Amino acid sequence: LSAPEVVSLESGSSANVTVSLRDPLNETLVITLNITHSSKPSSIVELPAEVQLPAGHTKTAFQVKADDVGQVTVYLYTINYNLTGPRIQFQVIHSIIVRYADEVIGWIYF
């Protein structure tokens, strides 16, 4: 089971996140998303409770919506198969432009 390690979002935006397997399975795989860390007690991202990967397929996607600035770590796990799920870190920022400007200034400064 694989997924991106980090997903960066701008506050108020949404993105599709792809989860994939190397080989297709004979039955539908139910993937549960469990928040293991949040930088705020309030909702930072909106996630589905579970994602289904249909039998015979190797990829599926789910939508995530950024509600507030912060970071959330989500652990993906399966109930019907013993697959070790990856962790996805969602980073929600005010503006993507500010993020890139900060990186450029950091490189110039050092």
Protein backbone atom coordinates (compact mmCIF):
# COMPACT_ATOMS: atom_id res chain seq x y z
CA LEU A 1 0.00 0.00 0.00
CA SER A 2 1.55 3.31 -1.02
CA ALA A 3 0.55 6.97 -0.83
CA PRO A 4 2.36 10.31 -0.94
CA GLU A 5 4.35 11.09 2.22
CA VAL A 6 3.44 14.80 2.22
CA VAL A 7 0.51 16.65 0.69
CA SER A 8 0.69 20.47 0.75
CA LEU A 9 -2.52 22.44 0.45
CA GLU A 10 -3.49 26.07 0.52
CA SER A 11 -6.18 26.93 3.08
CA GLY A 12 -9.62 26.60 1.47
CA SER A 13 -8.38 24.41 -1.38
CA SER A 14 -8.86 20.71 -2.06
CA ALA A 15 -6.80 17.97 -3.69
CA ASN A 16 -7.12 14.37 -4.79
CA VAL A 17 -4.78 11.91 -3.08
CA THR A 18 -3.96 8.63 -4.82
CA VAL A 19 -3.46 5.37 -2.94
CA SER A 20 -2.05 2.40 -4.83
CA LEU A 21 -1.08 -1.26 -4.59
CA ARG A 22 1.57 -3.12 -6.56
CA ASP A 23 -0.77 -5.96 -7.49
CA PRO A 24 -4.58 -6.03 -7.73
CA LEU A 25 -6.55 -7.95 -5.10
CA ASN A 26 -9.44 -10.38 -5.60
CA GLU A 27 -11.81 -8.42 -3.35
CA THR A 28 -12.46 -4.81 -2.46
CA LEU A 29 -9.93 -3.34 -0.05
CA VAL A 30 -11.35 -1.00 2.59
CA ILE A 31 -8.79 1.57 3.75
CA THR A 32 -9.51 3.49 6.96
CA LEU A 33 -7.95 6.91 7.56
CA ASN A 34 -6.95 7.48 11.17
CA ILE A 35 -5.67 10.88 12.35
CA THR A 36 -2.68 10.22 14.62
CA HIS A 37 -1.49 13.82 15.07
CA SER A 38 -2.99 17.27 14.61
CA SER A 39 -1.31 20.61 15.33
CA LYS A 40 -4.68 22.06 16.43
CA PRO A 41 -7.70 20.66 18.24
CA SER A 42 -10.00 22.08 15.54
CA SER A 43 -10.50 20.57 12.09
CA ILE A 44 -7.60 21.30 9.72
CA VAL A 45 -8.59 18.97 6.87
CA GLU A 46 -11.77 17.17 5.85
CA LEU A 47 -11.14 13.49 5.09
CA PRO A 48 -13.41 10.56 4.27
CA ALA A 49 -13.76 7.96 7.05
CA GLU A 50 -12.72 5.25 4.60
CA VAL A 51 -11.63 4.74 1.02
CA GLN A 52 -12.42 1.67 -1.10
CA LEU A 53 -10.04 0.13 -3.62
CA PRO A 54 -12.22 -2.05 -5.89
CA ALA A 55 -11.27 -5.65 -6.64
CA GLY A 56 -9.00 -5.97 -9.67
CA HIS A 57 -7.76 -2.36 -9.43
CA THR A 58 -4.40 -1.05 -8.25
CA LYS A 59 -5.28 2.63 -7.66
CA THR A 60 -7.95 4.71 -6.02
CA ALA A 61 -8.17 8.35 -4.99
CA PHE A 62 -9.90 10.36 -2.32
CA GLN A 63 -10.48 14.07 -1.93
CA VAL A 64 -9.14 16.12 0.96
CA LYS A 65 -10.27 19.67 1.71
CA ALA A 66 -8.15 22.14 3.68
CA ASP A 67 -10.20 24.00 6.30
CA ASP A 68 -7.54 25.69 8.42
CA VAL A 69 -3.78 26.26 8.56
CA GLY A 70 -1.81 23.52 10.34
CA GLN A 71 -0.49 19.98 10.03
CA VAL A 72 -2.24 16.63 10.29
CA THR A 73 -0.69 13.17 10.15
CA VAL A 74 -2.98 10.39 8.95
CA TYR A 75 -2.29 6.65 9.16
CA LEU A 76 -3.87 4.39 6.53
CA TYR A 77 -4.79 0.88 7.59
CA THR A 78 -6.87 -2.00 6.32
CA ILE A 79 -9.21 -4.27 8.19
CA ASN A 80 -9.74 -7.12 5.73
CA TYR A 81 -6.05 -7.51 4.73
CA ASN A 82 -2.93 -7.37 6.84
CA LEU A 83 -1.32 -4.52 4.90
CA THR A 84 0.93 -2.04 6.62
CA GLY A 85 -0.36 1.38 5.74
CA PRO A 86 1.73 4.45 5.14
CA ARG A 87 1.41 7.76 6.92
CA ILE A 88 0.45 10.91 5.04
CA GLN A 89 1.28 14.34 6.42
CA PHE A 90 -1.10 17.07 5.29
CA GLN A 91 0.41 20.55 5.50
CA VAL A 92 -2.08 23.39 5.13
CA ILE A 93 -0.62 26.86 4.62
CA HIS A 94 -2.04 30.33 4.00
CA SER A 95 -0.61 30.65 0.50
CA ILE A 96 1.57 28.51 -1.77
CA ILE A 97 3.24 31.69 -3.04
CA VAL A 98 4.33 32.60 0.50
CA ARG A 99 5.78 29.11 0.93
CA TYR A 100 7.92 29.36 -2.22
CA ALA A 101 8.99 32.93 -1.39
CA ASP A 102 10.09 31.72 2.05
CA GLU A 103 12.19 28.94 0.45
CA VAL A 104 13.84 31.38 -1.98
CA ILE A 105 14.63 33.88 0.78
CA GLY A 106 16.05 31.03 2.87
CA TRP A 107 18.37 29.98 0.04
CA ILE A 108 19.49 33.58 -0.60
CA TYR A 109 20.09 34.22 3.11
CA PHE A 110 22.33 31.18 3.53
